PDB file of N, CA and C in Angstrom:
ATOM      1  N   MET A   1       9.933  -1.107  -7.236  1.00  0.00           N
ATOM      2  CA  MET A   1       9.565   0.178  -6.673  1.00  0.00           C
ATOM      3  C   MET A   1      10.630   1.184  -7.055  1.00  0.00           C
ATOM      4  N   ARG A   2      10.219   2.394  -7.382  1.00  0.00           N
ATOM      5  CA  ARG A   2      11.163   3.420  -7.782  1.00  0.00           C
ATOM      6  C   ARG A   2      12.118   3.727  -6.636  1.00  0.00           C
ATOM      7  N   LYS A   3      13.386   3.940  -6.979  1.00  0.00           N
ATOM      8  CA  LYS A   3      14.425   4.171  -5.971  1.00  0.00           C
ATOM      9  C   LYS A   3      14.136   5.373  -5.084  1.00  0.00           C
ATOM     10  N   GLU A   4      13.557   6.467  -5.652  1.00  0.00           N
ATOM     11  CA  GLU A   4      13.290   7.644  -4.829  1.00  0.00           C
ATOM     12  C   GLU A   4      12.283   7.355  -3.719  1.00  0.00           C
ATOM     13  N   LEU A   5      11.473   6.318  -3.895  1.00  0.00           N
ATOM     14  CA  LEU A   5      10.513   5.952  -2.860  1.00  0.00           C
ATOM     15  C   LEU A   5      11.164   5.165  -1.729  1.00  0.00           C
ATOM     16  N   LEU A   6      12.405   4.739  -1.937  1.00  0.00           N
ATOM     17  CA  LEU A   6      13.136   3.989  -0.918  1.00  0.00           C
ATOM     18  C   LEU A   6      14.091   4.878  -0.136  1.00  0.00           C
ATOM     19  N   GLN A   7      14.109   6.174  -0.445  1.00  0.00           N
ATOM     20  CA  GLN A   7      15.002   7.099   0.246  1.00  0.00           C
ATOM     21  C   GLN A   7      14.723   7.076   1.738  1.00  0.00           C
ATOM     22  N   GLY A   8      15.790   7.152   2.519  1.00  0.00           N
ATOM     23  CA  GLY A   8      15.661   7.163   3.966  1.00  0.00           C
ATOM     24  C   GLY A   8      15.704   5.778   4.580  1.00  0.00           C
ATOM     25  N   LEU A   9      15.702   4.743   3.746  1.00  0.00           N
ATOM     26  CA  LEU A   9      15.785   3.374   4.252  1.00  0.00           C
ATOM     27  C   LEU A   9      17.228   2.891   4.213  1.00  0.00           C
ATOM     28  N   SER A  10      17.576   2.025   5.152  1.00  0.00           N
ATOM     29  CA  SER A  10      18.907   1.427   5.143  1.00  0.00           C
ATOM     30  C   SER A  10      18.981   0.390   4.023  1.00  0.00           C
ATOM     31  N   GLU A  11      20.189   0.006   3.675  1.00  0.00           N
ATOM     32  CA  GLU A  11      20.365  -1.039   2.643  1.00  0.00           C
ATOM     33  C   GLU A  11      19.664  -2.330   3.055  1.00  0.00           C
ATOM     34  N   GLU A  12      19.737  -2.657   4.333  1.00  0.00           N
ATOM     35  CA  GLU A  12      19.086  -3.869   4.836  1.00  0.00           C
ATOM     36  C   GLU A  12      17.561  -3.766   4.675  1.00  0.00           C
ATOM     37  N   GLN A  13      17.000  -2.591   4.997  1.00  0.00           N
ATOM     38  CA  GLN A  13      15.557  -2.388   4.854  1.00  0.00           C
ATOM     39  C   GLN A  13      15.136  -2.444   3.390  1.00  0.00           C
ATOM     40  N   ILE A  14      15.951  -1.878   2.506  1.00  0.00           N
ATOM     41  CA  ILE A  14      15.643  -1.918   1.070  1.00  0.00           C
ATOM     42  C   ILE A  14      15.597  -3.357   0.577  1.00  0.00           C
ATOM     43  N   LYS A  15      16.553  -4.170   1.013  1.00  0.00           N
ATOM     44  CA  LYS A  15      16.561  -5.587   0.621  1.00  0.00           C
ATOM     45  C   LYS A  15      15.301  -6.299   1.117  1.00  0.00           C
ATOM     46  N   LYS A  16      14.882  -5.972   2.346  1.00  0.00           N
ATOM     47  CA  LYS A  16      13.669  -6.575   2.886  1.00  0.00           C
ATOM     48  C   LYS A  16      12.446  -6.163   2.060  1.00  0.00           C
ATOM     49  N   VAL A  17      12.365  -4.874   1.707  1.00  0.00           N
ATOM     50  CA  VAL A  17      11.239  -4.388   0.898  1.00  0.00           C
ATOM     51  C   VAL A  17      11.221  -5.107  -0.442  1.00  0.00           C
ATOM     52  N   GLU A  18      12.384  -5.219  -1.062  1.00  0.00           N
ATOM     53  CA  GLU A  18      12.463  -5.853  -2.383  1.00  0.00           C
ATOM     54  C   GLU A  18      12.115  -7.330  -2.345  1.00  0.00           C
ATOM     55  N   SER A  19      12.228  -7.968  -1.168  1.00  0.00           N
ATOM     56  CA  SER A  19      11.879  -9.390  -1.068  1.00  0.00           C
ATOM     57  C   SER A  19      10.394  -9.606  -0.800  1.00  0.00           C
ATOM     58  N   CYS A  20       9.673  -8.542  -0.474  1.00  0.00           N
ATOM     59  CA  CYS A  20       8.236  -8.667  -0.222  1.00  0.00           C
ATOM     60  C   CYS A  20       7.503  -9.000  -1.520  1.00  0.00           C
ATOM     61  N   GLU A  21       6.464  -9.813  -1.398  1.00  0.00           N
ATOM     62  CA  GLU A  21       5.705 -10.242  -2.567  1.00  0.00           C
ATOM     63  C   GLU A  21       4.356  -9.553  -2.699  1.00  0.00           C
ATOM     64  N   SER A  22       3.981  -8.722  -1.722  1.00  0.00           N
ATOM     65  CA  SER A  22       2.687  -8.036  -1.804  1.00  0.00           C
ATOM     66  C   SER A  22       2.762  -6.713  -1.053  1.00  0.00           C
ATOM     67  N   SER A  23       1.795  -5.847  -1.346  1.00  0.00           N
ATOM     68  CA  SER A  23       1.742  -4.576  -0.627  1.00  0.00           C
ATOM     69  C   SER A  23       1.468  -4.815   0.854  1.00  0.00           C
ATOM     70  N   GLU A  24       0.708  -5.852   1.176  1.00  0.00           N
ATOM     71  CA  GLU A  24       0.428  -6.165   2.574  1.00  0.00           C
ATOM     72  C   GLU A  24       1.715  -6.510   3.315  1.00  0.00           C
ATOM     73  N   GLU A  25       2.623  -7.253   2.664  1.00  0.00           N
ATOM     74  CA  GLU A  25       3.907  -7.586   3.285  1.00  0.00           C
ATOM     75  C   GLU A  25       4.756  -6.336   3.498  1.00  0.00           C
ATOM     76  N   ILE A  26       4.725  -5.413   2.544  1.00  0.00           N
ATOM     77  CA  ILE A  26       5.492  -4.175   2.680  1.00  0.00           C
ATOM     78  C   ILE A  26       4.940  -3.340   3.826  1.00  0.00           C
ATOM     79  N   LEU A  27       3.617  -3.229   3.920  1.00  0.00           N
ATOM     80  CA  LEU A  27       3.017  -2.472   5.013  1.00  0.00           C
ATOM     81  C   LEU A  27       3.344  -3.100   6.366  1.00  0.00           C
ATOM     82  N   ALA A  28       3.296  -4.422   6.446  1.00  0.00           N
ATOM     83  CA  ALA A  28       3.636  -5.116   7.696  1.00  0.00           C
ATOM     84  C   ALA A  28       5.107  -4.898   8.048  1.00  0.00           C
ATOM     85  N   LEU A  29       5.973  -4.937   7.046  1.00  0.00           N
ATOM     86  CA  LEU A  29       7.397  -4.683   7.273  1.00  0.00           C
ATOM     87  C   LEU A  29       7.617  -3.272   7.795  1.00  0.00           C
ATOM     88  N   ALA A  30       6.977  -2.293   7.178  1.00  0.00           N
ATOM     89  CA  ALA A  30       7.117  -0.904   7.622  1.00  0.00           C
ATOM     90  C   ALA A  30       6.688  -0.777   9.077  1.00  0.00           C
ATOM     91  N   LYS A  31       5.582  -1.408   9.419  1.00  0.00           N
ATOM     92  CA  LYS A  31       5.097  -1.353  10.799  1.00  0.00           C
ATOM     93  C   LYS A  31       6.094  -1.999  11.755  1.00  0.00           C
ATOM     94  N   SER A  32       6.605  -3.167  11.395  1.00  0.00           N
ATOM     95  CA  SER A  32       7.537  -3.873  12.285  1.00  0.00           C
ATOM     96  C   SER A  32       8.873  -3.140  12.431  1.00  0.00           C
ATOM     97  N   GLU A  33       9.257  -2.383  11.406  1.00  0.00           N
ATOM     98  CA  GLU A  33      10.513  -1.630  11.441  1.00  0.00           C
ATOM     99  C   GLU A  33      10.317  -0.229  12.025  1.00  0.00           C
ATOM    100  N   GLY A  34       9.068   0.142  12.328  1.00  0.00           N
ATOM    101  CA  GLY A  34       8.790   1.470  12.865  1.00  0.00           C
ATOM    102  C   GLY A  34       8.968   2.574  11.835  1.00  0.00           C
ATOM    103  N   ILE A  35       8.738   2.243  10.556  1.00  0.00           N
ATOM    104  CA  ILE A  35       8.915   3.202   9.469  1.00  0.00           C
ATOM    105  C   ILE A  35       7.589   3.863   9.161  1.00  0.00           C
ATOM    106  N   GLU A  36       7.583   5.186   9.165  1.00  0.00           N
ATOM    107  CA  GLU A  36       6.383   5.927   8.774  1.00  0.00           C
ATOM    108  C   GLU A  36       6.502   6.259   7.300  1.00  0.00           C
ATOM    109  N   LEU A  37       5.583   5.770   6.501  1.00  0.00           N
ATOM    110  CA  LEU A  37       5.609   5.993   5.063  1.00  0.00           C
ATOM    111  C   LEU A  37       5.047   7.363   4.711  1.00  0.00           C
ATOM    112  N   SER A  38       5.698   8.032   3.764  1.00  0.00           N
ATOM    113  CA  SER A  38       5.165   9.297   3.251  1.00  0.00           C
ATOM    114  C   SER A  38       3.928   8.989   2.408  1.00  0.00           C
ATOM    115  N   ASP A  39       3.167  10.017   2.076  1.00  0.00           N
ATOM    116  CA  ASP A  39       1.996   9.804   1.222  1.00  0.00           C
ATOM    117  C   ASP A  39       2.386   9.189  -0.112  1.00  0.00           C
ATOM    118  N   ASP A  40       3.491   9.676  -0.718  1.00  0.00           N
ATOM    119  CA  ASP A  40       3.941   9.125  -2.000  1.00  0.00           C
ATOM    120  C   ASP A  40       4.336   7.667  -1.863  1.00  0.00           C
ATOM    121  N   GLN A  41       5.053   7.330  -0.782  1.00  0.00           N
ATOM    122  CA  GLN A  41       5.456   5.939  -0.572  1.00  0.00           C
ATOM    123  C   GLN A  41       4.232   5.062  -0.350  1.00  0.00           C
ATOM    124  N   LEU A  42       3.301   5.540   0.445  1.00  0.00           N
ATOM    125  CA  LEU A  42       2.100   4.765   0.730  1.00  0.00           C
ATOM    126  C   LEU A  42       1.293   4.514  -0.537  1.00  0.00           C
ATOM    127  N   GLU A  43       1.131   5.534  -1.366  1.00  0.00           N
ATOM    128  CA  GLU A  43       0.403   5.363  -2.622  1.00  0.00           C
ATOM    129  C   GLU A  43       1.116   4.390  -3.542  1.00  0.00           C
ATOM    130  N   ALA A  44       2.460   4.450  -3.579  1.00  0.00           N
ATOM    131  CA  ALA A  44       3.216   3.529  -4.436  1.00  0.00           C
ATOM    132  C   ALA A  44       3.060   2.090  -3.962  1.00  0.00           C
ATOM    133  N   VAL A  45       3.072   1.895  -2.649  1.00  0.00           N
ATOM    134  CA  VAL A  45       2.958   0.550  -2.084  1.00  0.00           C
ATOM    135  C   VAL A  45       1.567  -0.026  -2.287  1.00  0.00           C
ATOM    136  N   THR A  46       0.561   0.810  -2.099  1.00  0.00           N
ATOM    137  CA  THR A  46      -0.804   0.295  -2.137  1.00  0.00           C
ATOM    138  C   THR A  46      -1.441   0.349  -3.510  1.00  0.00           C
ATOM    139  N   GLY A  47      -0.734   0.871  -4.498  1.00  0.00           N
ATOM    140  CA  GLY A  47      -1.266   0.897  -5.850  1.00  0.00           C
ATOM    141  C   GLY A  47      -1.902   2.208  -6.232  1.00  0.00           C
ATOM    142  N   GLY A  48      -1.796   3.189  -5.381  1.00  0.00           N
ATOM    143  CA  GLY A  48      -2.293   4.507  -5.720  1.00  0.00           C
ATOM    144  C   GLY A  48      -3.634   4.829  -5.099  1.00  0.00           C
ATOM    145  N   TYR A  49      -3.947   6.085  -5.089  1.00  0.00           N
ATOM    146  CA  TYR A  49      -5.198   6.558  -4.512  1.00  0.00           C
ATOM    147  C   TYR A  49      -6.359   6.243  -5.439  1.00  0.00           C
ATOM    148  N   CYS A  50      -7.431   5.841  -4.856  1.00  0.00           N
ATOM    149  CA  CYS A  50      -8.628   5.534  -5.639  1.00  0.00           C
ATOM    150  C   CYS A  50      -9.837   5.924  -4.826  1.00  0.00           C
ATOM    151  N   GLY A  51     -10.169   7.194  -4.825  1.00  0.00           N
ATOM    152  CA  GLY A  51     -11.250   7.654  -3.980  1.00  0.00           C
ATOM    153  C   GLY A  51     -12.420   8.240  -4.740  1.00  0.00           C
ATOM    154  N   ASN A  52     -12.667   7.770  -5.947  1.00  0.00           N
ATOM    155  CA  ASN A  52     -13.801   8.325  -6.680  1.00  0.00           C
ATOM    156  C   ASN A  52     -14.595   7.222  -7.366  1.00  0.00           C
ATOM    157  N   SER A  53     -15.715   7.585  -7.936  1.00  0.00           N
ATOM    158  CA  SER A  53     -16.629   6.596  -8.507  1.00  0.00           C
ATOM    159  C   SER A  53     -16.113   5.956  -9.797  1.00  0.00           C
ATOM    160  N   THR A  54     -15.031   6.486 -10.369  1.00  0.00           N
ATOM    161  CA  THR A  54     -14.492   5.893 -11.596  1.00  0.00           C
ATOM    162  C   THR A  54     -13.422   4.849 -11.296  1.00  0.00           C
ATOM    163  N   CYS A  55     -13.198   4.589 -10.031  1.00  0.00           N
ATOM    164  CA  CYS A  55     -12.185   3.612  -9.622  1.00  0.00           C
ATOM    165  C   CYS A  55     -12.562   2.222 -10.132  1.00  0.00           C
ATOM    166  N   ARG A  56     -11.575   1.545 -10.677  1.00  0.00           N
ATOM    167  CA  ARG A  56     -11.768   0.174 -11.153  1.00  0.00           C
ATOM    168  C   ARG A  56     -10.656  -0.715 -10.627  1.00  0.00           C
ATOM    169  N   CYS A  57     -10.966  -1.953 -10.428  1.00  0.00           N
ATOM    170  CA  CYS A  57      -9.967  -2.941 -10.017  1.00  0.00           C
ATOM    171  C   CYS A  57      -8.971  -3.143 -11.158  1.00  0.00           C
ATOM    172  N   SER A  58      -7.692  -3.097 -10.813  1.00  0.00           N
ATOM    173  CA  SER A  58      -6.675  -3.290 -11.843  1.00  0.00           C
ATOM    174  C   SER A  58      -6.585  -4.738 -12.309  1.00  0.00           C
ATOM    175  N   SER A  59      -7.135  -5.656 -11.525  1.00  0.00           N
ATOM    176  CA  SER A  59      -7.087  -7.072 -11.910  1.00  0.00           C
ATOM    177  C   SER A  59      -8.241  -7.483 -12.814  1.00  0.00           C
ATOM    178  N   CYS A  60      -9.471  -7.078 -12.437  1.00  0.00           N
ATOM    179  CA  CYS A  60     -10.635  -7.557 -13.201  1.00  0.00           C
ATOM    180  C   CYS A  60     -11.460  -6.441 -13.837  1.00  0.00           C
ATOM    181  N   GLY A  61     -11.156  -5.172 -13.492  1.00  0.00           N
ATOM    182  CA  GLY A  61     -11.875  -4.053 -14.085  1.00  0.00           C
ATOM    183  C   GLY A  61     -13.198  -3.711 -13.419  1.00  0.00           C
ATOM    184  N   SER A  62     -13.565  -4.422 -12.366  1.00  0.00           N
ATOM    185  CA  SER A  62     -14.833  -4.188 -11.681  1.00  0.00           C
ATOM    186  C   SER A  62     -14.854  -2.826 -10.987  1.00  0.00           C
ATOM    187  N   LYS A  63     -16.055  -2.240 -10.906  1.00  0.00           N
ATOM    188  CA  LYS A  63     -16.250  -1.020 -10.123  1.00  0.00           C
ATOM    189  C   LYS A  63     -16.822  -1.338  -8.738  1.00  0.00           C
ATOM    190  N   ASN A  64     -16.978  -2.613  -8.430  1.00  0.00           N
ATOM    191  CA  ASN A  64     -17.542  -3.060  -7.160  1.00  0.00           C
ATOM    192  C   ASN A  64     -16.433  -3.042  -6.101  1.00  0.00           C
ATOM    193  N   ILE A  65     -16.106  -1.822  -5.625  1.00  0.00           N
ATOM    194  CA  ILE A  65     -14.953  -1.603  -4.758  1.00  0.00           C
ATOM    195  C   ILE A  65     -15.421  -1.202  -3.363  1.00  0.00           C
ATOM    196  N   LYS A  66     -14.767  -1.748  -2.342  1.00  0.00           N
ATOM    197  CA  LYS A  66     -15.055  -1.380  -0.960  1.00  0.00           C
ATOM    198  C   LYS A  66     -13.836  -0.658  -0.393  1.00  0.00           C
ATOM    199  N   HIS A  67     -14.063   0.445   0.304  1.00  0.00           N
ATOM    200  CA  HIS A  67     -12.996   1.252   0.883  1.00  0.00           C
ATOM    201  C   HIS A  67     -12.991   1.086   2.400  1.00  0.00           C
ATOM    202  N   LYS A  68     -11.779   0.980   2.978  1.00  0.00           N
ATOM    203  CA  LYS A  68     -11.636   0.858   4.424  1.00  0.00           C
ATOM    204  C   LYS A  68     -10.445   1.708   4.841  1.00  0.00           C
ATOM    205  N   VAL A  69     -10.532   2.357   5.994  1.00  0.00           N
ATOM    206  CA  VAL A  69      -9.422   3.129   6.550  1.00  0.00           C
ATOM    207  C   VAL A  69      -8.931   2.400   7.790  1.00  0.00           C
ATOM    208  N   LYS A  70      -7.619   2.143   7.823  1.00  0.00           N
ATOM    209  CA  LYS A  70      -7.019   1.466   8.967  1.00  0.00           C
ATOM    210  C   LYS A  70      -6.111   2.455   9.688  1.00  0.00           C
ATOM    211  N   GLN A  71      -6.264   2.575  10.988  1.00  0.00           N
ATOM    212  CA  GLN A  71      -5.446   3.475  11.796  1.00  0.00           C
ATOM    213  C   GLN A  71      -4.223   2.709  12.284  1.00  0.00           C
ATOM    214  N   LEU A  72      -3.033   3.229  12.004  1.00  0.00           N
ATOM    215  CA  LEU A  72      -1.800   2.609  12.457  1.00  0.00           C
ATOM    216  C   LEU A  72      -1.436   3.126  13.848  1.00  0.00           C
ATOM    217  N   PRO A  73      -0.563   2.420  14.567  1.00  0.00           N
ATOM    218  CA  PRO A  73      -0.189   2.856  15.914  1.00  0.00           C
ATOM    219  C   PRO A  73       0.402   4.276  15.963  1.00  0.00           C
ATOM    220  N   ASN A  74       1.018   4.727  14.876  1.00  0.00           N
ATOM    221  CA  ASN A  74       1.612   6.072  14.856  1.00  0.00           C
ATOM    222  C   ASN A  74       0.592   7.125  14.417  1.00  0.00           C
ATOM    223  N   ASN A  75      -0.697   6.761  14.427  1.00  0.00           N
ATOM    224  CA  ASN A  75      -1.810   7.632  14.044  1.00  0.00           C
ATOM    225  C   ASN A  75      -1.907   7.908  12.550  1.00  0.00           C
ATOM    226  N   ALA A  76      -1.059   7.301  11.748  1.00  0.00           N
ATOM    227  CA  ALA A  76      -1.188   7.421  10.295  1.00  0.00           C
ATOM    228  C   ALA A  76      -2.373   6.564   9.849  1.00  0.00           C
ATOM    229  N   GLU A  77      -2.986   6.969   8.763  1.00  0.00           N
ATOM    230  CA  GLU A  77      -4.110   6.212   8.221  1.00  0.00           C
ATOM    231  C   GLU A  77      -3.676   5.491   6.955  1.00  0.00           C
ATOM    232  N   VAL A  78      -4.122   4.270   6.815  1.00  0.00           N
ATOM    233  CA  VAL A  78      -3.895   3.502   5.598  1.00  0.00           C
ATOM    234  C   VAL A  78      -5.258   3.301   4.950  1.00  0.00           C
ATOM    235  N   HIS A  79      -5.364   3.711   3.700  1.00  0.00           N
ATOM    236  CA  HIS A  79      -6.607   3.523   2.955  1.00  0.00           C
ATOM    237  C   HIS A  79      -6.480   2.248   2.136  1.00  0.00           C
ATOM    238  N   ILE A  80      -7.435   1.377   2.277  1.00  0.00           N
ATOM    239  CA  ILE A  80      -7.397   0.081   1.599  1.00  0.00           C
ATOM    240  C   ILE A  80      -8.678  -0.068   0.778  1.00  0.00           C
ATOM    241  N   TRP A  81      -8.491  -0.363  -0.493  1.00  0.00           N
ATOM    242  CA  TRP A  81      -9.616  -0.644  -1.376  1.00  0.00           C
ATOM    243  C   TRP A  81      -9.577  -2.113  -1.719  1.00  0.00           C
ATOM    244  N   THR A  82     -10.737  -2.753  -1.726  1.00  0.00           N
ATOM    245  CA  THR A  82     -10.823  -4.181  -2.038  1.00  0.00           C
ATOM    246  C   THR A  82     -11.909  -4.388  -3.079  1.00  0.00           C
ATOM    247  N   CYS A  83     -11.572  -5.121  -4.127  1.00  0.00           N
ATOM    248  CA  CYS A  83     -12.551  -5.482  -5.141  1.00  0.00           C
ATOM    249  C   CYS A  83     -13.439  -6.581  -4.578  1.00  0.00           C
ATOM    250  N   GLN A  84     -14.730  -6.320  -4.573  1.00  0.00           N
ATOM    251  CA  GLN A  84     -15.678  -7.279  -4.033  1.00  0.00           C
ATOM    252  C   GLN A  84     -15.939  -8.442  -4.998  1.00  0.00           C
ATOM    253  N   ASP A  85     -15.458  -8.316  -6.244  1.00  0.00           N
ATOM    254  CA  ASP A  85     -15.656  -9.383  -7.216  1.00  0.00           C
ATOM    255  C   ASP A  85     -14.510 -10.381  -7.248  1.00  0.00           C
ATOM    256  N   CYS A  86     -13.257  -9.885  -7.209  1.00  0.00           N
ATOM    257  CA  CYS A  86     -12.121 -10.818  -7.314  1.00  0.00           C
ATOM    258  C   CYS A  86     -11.251 -10.859  -6.061  1.00  0.00           C
ATOM    259  N   GLY A  87     -11.462  -9.911  -5.128  1.00  0.00           N
ATOM    260  CA  GLY A  87     -10.719  -9.937  -3.874  1.00  0.00           C
ATOM    261  C   GLY A  87      -9.398  -9.197  -3.872  1.00  0.00           C
ATOM    262  N   THR A  88      -9.008  -8.601  -4.995  1.00  0.00           N
ATOM    263  CA  THR A  88      -7.756  -7.857  -5.056  1.00  0.00           C
ATOM    264  C   THR A  88      -7.833  -6.638  -4.144  1.00  0.00           C
ATOM    265  N   SER A  89      -6.765  -6.390  -3.382  1.00  0.00           N
ATOM    266  CA  SER A  89      -6.701  -5.211  -2.493  1.00  0.00           C
ATOM    267  C   SER A  89      -5.541  -4.333  -2.902  1.00  0.00           C
ATOM    268  N   TRP A  90      -5.703  -3.031  -2.718  1.00  0.00           N
ATOM    269  CA  TRP A  90      -4.637  -2.072  -2.925  1.00  0.00           C
ATOM    270  C   TRP A  90      -4.803  -0.905  -2.005  1.00  0.00           C
TER     271      TRP A  90
END
């Protein structure tokens, strides 16, 4: 992850982020640490915004994408796209 996206985090938090193996782990870590992600950070973690009909799965190239909005306790919204063919989420 680009260093500018880690601004505002402690060294300990940065190490935790760097040890995460998926965007889901990073989102869970942010929630457990009480960190509110900026739009840029959220897009970087989740693989970027994909809100149009030309969206394709980065793993298999499918356009069979499902969109879901998850409300976080701090009222922030997380947009999650899932490929219905291979199961990849971002």
